[in-house]
Protein backbone atom coordinates (compact mmCIF):
# COMPACT_ATOMS: atom_id res chain seq x y z
CA UNK A 1 -204.04 18.80 -56.90
CA UNK A 2 -206.03 21.77 -56.38
CA UNK A 3 -208.32 23.90 -57.87
CA UNK A 4 -206.55 26.99 -59.50
CA UNK A 5 -203.56 24.54 -60.56
CA UNK A 6 -202.42 25.07 -64.23
CA UNK A 7 -202.57 21.40 -65.92
CA UNK A 8 -201.54 20.06 -69.59
CA UNK A 9 -203.60 17.10 -70.94
CA UNK A 10 -201.70 13.66 -71.42
CA UNK A 11 -201.93 12.02 -74.51
CA UNK A 12 -201.45 8.38 -73.08
CA UNK A 13 -202.01 7.17 -77.10
CA UNK A 14 -198.63 9.28 -78.32
CA UNK A 15 -196.91 8.16 -74.88
CA UNK A 16 -197.60 4.44 -75.42
CA UNK A 17 -197.07 5.24 -79.35
CA UNK A 18 -193.91 7.29 -80.23
CA UNK A 19 -194.61 7.33 -83.40
CA UNK A 20 -197.66 9.51 -82.77
CA UNK A 21 -194.88 13.30 -81.40
CA UNK A 22 -193.59 15.15 -83.38
CA UNK A 23 -190.14 13.98 -83.68
CA UNK A 24 -188.76 17.53 -83.16
CA UNK A 25 -190.22 18.49 -80.04
CA UNK A 26 -190.87 14.57 -79.13
CA UNK A 27 -194.44 16.12 -77.91
CA UNK A 28 -197.81 15.36 -79.44
CA UNK A 29 -199.20 17.82 -82.15
CA UNK A 30 -202.33 18.69 -80.05
CA UNK A 31 -201.67 19.93 -76.52
CA UNK A 32 -203.91 20.89 -73.95
CA UNK A 33 -204.15 23.27 -71.10
CA UNK A 34 -206.05 24.37 -68.27
CA UNK A 35 -207.23 25.21 -64.49
CA UNK A 36 -208.26 23.08 -62.24
CA UNK A 37 -211.35 24.19 -60.87
CA UNK A 38 -212.83 21.68 -58.74
CA UNK A 39 -210.69 18.77 -57.41
CA UNK A 40 -211.60 16.35 -54.43
CA UNK A 41 -210.09 16.06 -50.59
CA UNK A 42 -208.95 12.93 -51.69
CA UNK A 43 -207.48 11.96 -54.87
CA UNK A 44 -210.50 9.17 -56.81
CA UNK A 45 -208.94 6.85 -59.42
CA UNK A 46 -211.88 8.27 -61.74
CA UNK A 47 -212.76 11.10 -63.77
CA UNK A 48 -212.98 13.33 -60.71
CA UNK A 49 -211.20 16.13 -61.19
CA UNK A 50 -213.43 19.11 -63.19
CA UNK A 51 -210.36 21.07 -65.35
CA UNK A 52 -211.68 24.47 -67.44
CA UNK A 53 -209.40 23.61 -70.74
CA UNK A 54 -208.56 26.16 -73.30
CA UNK A 55 -210.76 24.88 -76.21
CA UNK A 56 -212.70 22.45 -74.61
CA UNK A 57 -214.94 23.87 -72.00
CA UNK A 58 -215.37 21.96 -68.63
CA UNK A 59 -214.55 18.32 -68.00
CA UNK A 60 -214.06 15.49 -65.82
CA UNK A 61 -211.00 14.54 -65.99
CA UNK A 62 -208.95 11.14 -64.74
CA UNK A 63 -205.93 12.19 -62.56
CA UNK A 64 -203.56 10.13 -64.99
CA UNK A 65 -204.52 12.17 -68.05
CA UNK A 66 -203.24 15.20 -66.81
CA UNK A 67 -200.04 16.88 -65.28
CA UNK A 68 -199.33 19.75 -63.18
CA UNK A 69 -197.52 22.61 -64.84
CA UNK A 70 -197.57 25.48 -62.55
CA UNK A 71 -199.84 25.10 -58.49
CA UNK A 72 -201.21 27.72 -57.47
CA UNK A 73 -200.43 28.93 -54.51
């Protein structure tokens, strides 16, 4: 993961509780998209990836809580 990657927040609660997702689409009702603005050289198992979210602003995220949708070239 590196700066410029487009990511989606993973809703771990919905992933573990299938009744929390929309039955027609199979996804959580709330989807959040953002752009990685800073990531450590080596993957760290703690909130260490800075993401600029579309509606939440800048937040540090745990690697398990985000999914890469489009990698920066």
